Protein backbone atom coordinates (compact mmCIF):
# COMPACT_ATOMS: atom_id res chain seq x y z
CA MET A 1 -30.91 1.57 -1.88
CA THR A 2 -28.88 0.65 1.13
CA VAL A 3 -25.98 -1.81 1.21
CA SER A 4 -26.33 -4.58 3.77
CA HIS A 5 -23.06 -6.40 3.04
CA THR A 6 -20.16 -5.63 5.45
CA ARG A 7 -17.75 -7.70 3.35
CA TRP A 8 -16.70 -6.28 0.01
CA VAL A 9 -14.26 -7.54 -2.58
CA LEU A 10 -11.32 -5.32 -3.64
CA ALA A 11 -10.60 -5.88 -7.30
CA SER A 12 -6.84 -5.92 -6.72
CA ASN A 13 -4.08 -8.22 -5.56
CA ASN A 14 -1.85 -5.38 -4.41
CA ALA A 15 -1.19 -5.70 -0.69
CA GLY A 16 -0.27 -2.04 -0.44
CA LYS A 17 -3.59 -0.93 -1.96
CA LEU A 18 -5.52 -3.28 0.31
CA ALA A 19 -3.91 -1.96 3.48
CA GLU A 20 -4.39 1.71 2.43
CA LEU A 21 -7.96 1.32 1.36
CA GLN A 22 -8.96 -0.83 4.37
CA ALA A 23 -7.69 1.96 6.64
CA LEU A 24 -9.50 4.63 4.62
CA PHE A 25 -12.84 2.74 4.55
CA ALA A 26 -12.71 1.69 8.20
CA PRO A 27 -15.33 4.38 9.19
CA LEU A 28 -17.95 2.38 7.21
CA GLY A 29 -17.27 -0.79 9.22
CA VAL A 30 -16.59 -2.62 5.95
CA GLU A 31 -14.04 -5.44 5.54
CA LEU A 32 -12.23 -5.41 2.20
CA VAL A 33 -11.11 -8.82 0.88
CA ALA A 34 -8.57 -8.99 -1.93
CA GLN A 35 -9.90 -10.84 -4.98
CA SER A 36 -6.93 -13.26 -4.81
CA ALA A 37 -8.20 -14.49 -1.43
CA LEU A 38 -11.47 -15.52 -3.16
CA ASN A 39 -9.59 -17.14 -6.12
CA ILE A 40 -10.87 -14.47 -8.53
CA PRO A 41 -8.73 -14.09 -11.68
CA GLU A 42 -7.61 -10.67 -12.74
CA ALA A 43 -9.90 -8.84 -15.13
CA ASP A 44 -8.82 -7.76 -18.57
CA GLU A 45 -7.96 -4.03 -18.71
CA PRO A 46 -8.14 -3.13 -22.42
CA PHE A 47 -9.08 0.51 -22.01
CA HIS A 48 -7.13 3.76 -22.20
CA THR A 49 -8.69 5.56 -19.30
CA PHE A 50 -8.58 4.91 -15.56
CA VAL A 51 -12.36 5.02 -15.11
CA GLU A 52 -13.10 2.39 -17.82
CA ASN A 53 -10.50 -0.04 -16.46
CA ALA A 54 -11.66 0.45 -12.86
CA LEU A 55 -15.28 -0.16 -13.84
CA ALA A 56 -14.35 -3.30 -15.73
CA LYS A 57 -12.42 -4.62 -12.74
CA ALA A 58 -15.19 -3.81 -10.22
CA ARG A 59 -17.93 -5.54 -12.28
CA HIS A 60 -15.68 -8.55 -12.89
CA ALA A 61 -14.89 -9.00 -9.18
CA SER A 62 -18.52 -8.51 -8.11
CA GLN A 63 -19.66 -11.12 -10.64
CA TYR A 64 -17.30 -13.73 -9.27
CA ALA A 65 -17.72 -12.95 -5.60
CA GLY A 66 -21.44 -12.21 -5.43
CA LEU A 67 -20.50 -9.19 -3.28
CA PRO A 68 -20.22 -5.47 -3.70
CA ALA A 69 -16.90 -4.56 -5.20
CA ILE A 70 -14.43 -1.70 -5.19
CA ALA A 71 -11.75 -1.24 -7.81
CA ASP A 72 -8.91 1.24 -7.95
CA ASP A 73 -7.19 2.07 -11.22
CA ALA A 74 -4.26 4.29 -10.55
CA GLY A 75 -1.13 5.46 -12.34
CA LEU A 76 1.54 8.01 -12.88
CA CYS A 77 1.03 10.75 -15.46
CA VAL A 78 4.30 12.52 -16.34
CA ASP A 79 4.02 15.92 -18.02
CA ALA A 80 7.23 15.43 -20.02
CA PHE A 81 5.86 12.22 -21.46
CA GLY A 82 2.47 13.69 -22.50
CA GLY A 83 0.70 12.12 -19.53
CA LEU A 84 2.18 8.65 -19.92
CA PRO A 85 2.59 6.02 -18.62
CA GLY A 86 -1.01 6.51 -17.41
CA VAL A 87 -3.08 3.30 -17.41
CA GLN A 88 0.04 1.30 -18.35
CA THR A 89 1.93 2.39 -15.22
CA ALA A 90 2.03 -1.11 -13.64
CA PHE A 91 3.79 -2.43 -16.75
CA TYR A 92 5.90 0.60 -17.48
CA CYS A 93 9.25 -1.06 -16.99
CA THR A 94 8.50 -4.02 -19.24
CA GLN A 95 8.78 -1.86 -22.38
CA PHE A 96 12.38 -1.35 -21.48
CA GLY A 97 13.15 -5.04 -20.98
CA TYR A 98 12.72 -5.24 -17.15
CA PRO A 99 10.54 -7.80 -15.38
CA LYS A 100 7.39 -6.22 -13.91
CA SER A 101 8.03 -4.86 -10.39
CA ASP A 102 7.75 -1.57 -8.41
CA ASP A 103 11.57 -1.42 -8.12
CA ASN A 104 12.03 -1.77 -11.88
CA ASN A 105 9.29 0.74 -12.60
CA ARG A 106 11.13 3.31 -10.58
CA LYS A 107 14.51 2.37 -12.12
CA ALA A 108 13.11 2.65 -15.65
CA LEU A 109 11.39 6.00 -14.91
CA LEU A 110 14.54 7.57 -13.45
CA ALA A 111 16.60 6.28 -16.39
CA GLN A 112 14.16 7.83 -18.87
CA MET A 113 14.17 11.16 -17.06
CA VAL A 114 17.97 11.63 -17.01
CA GLY A 115 18.55 15.17 -18.33
CA VAL A 116 14.86 16.02 -18.31
CA THR A 117 14.28 19.36 -16.48
CA GLN A 118 10.43 19.36 -16.64
CA ARG A 119 9.80 16.83 -13.87
CA ARG A 120 6.23 17.68 -12.94
CA ALA A 121 3.96 14.61 -12.60
CA ALA A 122 0.72 13.53 -11.01
CA LEU A 123 -0.31 10.35 -9.32
CA VAL A 124 -3.94 9.64 -10.24
CA SER A 125 -6.42 7.33 -8.60
CA THR A 126 -9.91 6.44 -9.84
CA LEU A 127 -12.13 4.45 -7.44
CA VAL A 128 -15.24 2.67 -8.69
CA ALA A 129 -17.71 0.88 -6.42
CA VAL A 130 -20.62 -1.32 -7.57
CA ARG A 131 -23.33 -3.01 -5.46
CA ASN A 132 -23.59 -5.85 -7.99
CA PRO A 133 -22.19 -6.64 -11.47
CA GLN A 134 -25.16 -4.97 -13.19
CA ASP A 135 -25.27 -1.89 -11.03
CA PRO A 136 -26.54 0.87 -13.37
CA GLU A 137 -25.18 3.66 -11.21
CA PRO A 138 -21.62 2.86 -10.13
CA LEU A 139 -20.02 5.31 -7.73
CA ILE A 140 -16.96 7.01 -9.19
CA ALA A 141 -14.42 9.09 -7.28
CA THR A 142 -11.06 10.50 -8.35
CA GLY A 143 -8.01 11.90 -6.67
CA ARG A 144 -4.91 13.59 -8.02
CA ALA A 145 -1.65 14.34 -6.24
CA VAL A 146 0.79 16.63 -8.09
CA GLY A 147 4.53 16.68 -7.46
CA GLU A 148 7.87 16.30 -9.12
CA ILE A 149 9.95 13.21 -9.96
CA THR A 150 13.15 13.04 -7.92
CA THR A 151 16.52 12.01 -9.41
CA GLU A 152 16.85 9.11 -6.97
CA PRO A 153 14.57 7.18 -4.60
CA LEU A 154 14.05 8.81 -1.16
CA GLY A 155 12.37 7.08 1.80
CA ASP A 156 11.40 3.50 2.63
CA LYS A 157 7.68 3.72 3.28
CA GLY A 158 4.78 3.21 0.90
CA PHE A 159 4.98 1.42 -2.42
CA GLY A 160 4.90 2.00 -6.19
CA PHE A 161 6.29 5.41 -7.14
CA ASP A 162 6.11 6.80 -3.63
CA PRO A 163 9.97 7.02 -3.22
CA VAL A 164 10.33 9.19 -6.37
CA MET A 165 7.21 11.40 -5.96
CA TRP A 166 8.43 14.65 -4.32
CA ILE A 167 5.84 16.93 -2.79
CA PRO A 168 7.43 20.40 -2.96
CA ALA A 169 5.16 22.03 -0.31
CA LEU A 170 6.41 19.49 2.26
CA GLY A 171 9.92 18.97 1.03
CA LYS A 172 9.73 15.21 0.98
CA THR A 173 8.47 12.18 -0.97
CA PHE A 174 5.43 10.08 -0.18
CA ALA A 175 7.82 7.36 0.92
CA GLN A 176 9.22 9.69 3.60
CA MET A 177 5.77 10.33 5.16
CA PRO A 178 3.98 8.48 7.96
CA GLU A 179 0.90 6.64 6.75
CA GLU A 180 -1.61 9.19 8.13
CA GLU A 181 0.25 12.13 6.48
CA LYS A 182 0.44 10.31 3.15
CA ASN A 183 -3.23 9.32 3.19
CA ALA A 184 -4.18 12.94 3.85
CA LEU A 185 -2.43 14.08 0.69
CA SER A 186 -2.21 11.11 -1.66
CA HIS A 187 -4.25 10.54 -4.79
CA ARG A 188 -5.77 7.40 -3.28
CA GLY A 189 -6.55 9.15 -0.02
CA GLN A 190 -8.37 11.94 -1.92
CA ALA A 191 -10.35 9.47 -3.93
CA ALA A 192 -11.27 7.35 -0.92
CA ARG A 193 -12.59 10.38 1.01
CA ALA A 194 -14.67 11.39 -2.01
CA MET A 195 -15.96 7.79 -2.31
CA LEU A 196 -16.82 7.71 1.40
CA ALA A 197 -18.91 10.85 0.92
CA LEU A 198 -20.74 9.30 -2.05
CA MET A 199 -21.40 6.05 -0.22
CA ARG A 200 -22.82 7.83 2.78
CA GLU A 201 -25.02 9.90 0.59
CA ARG A 202 -26.31 7.16 -1.68
CA TRP A 203 -25.75 3.72 -0.13
CA PHE A 204 -25.78 4.20 3.66
CA VAL A 205 -28.96 6.10 4.14
């Protein structure tokens, strides 16, 4: 089955995700529209895995918009915390009394890691795409970028945990990288390239 729509809904209100994914999906000639622009409420995310939450978000957005939908569920998995915060990454700081924000997430993480020597962590992205809300064969692609948590934020680019995610092979954080370099290495860049390959194989034939 081919996909005729050139306008797809992104099941996210995150401007950083929208910009990154729009650039990564540009080769398909597809325009991504944030669900907030279509007055779509956020979906419930009751699950404990990235793939289940991403699928729930994609089906929800497609149902409301009547368009194909893409959802990204991403998070930070810290070895010293047994893989947490995982799917709760966006709300990580709230358990320590901070209002939800990227800045507070980084502040809470660095505070919790004071004195921790095992600083290995992975940023994980799971992308799910559906042609319609009942699509029986959603496309699923994952990406994983492994690095170490810094002791202070470094760099002013990107968003989320980019300023504290150190990539040892390059000697800098994601927030210190130009967009093209980051997209080549990042969890979301990996997932998007895998998703592009799946779409070309199954949807754009």
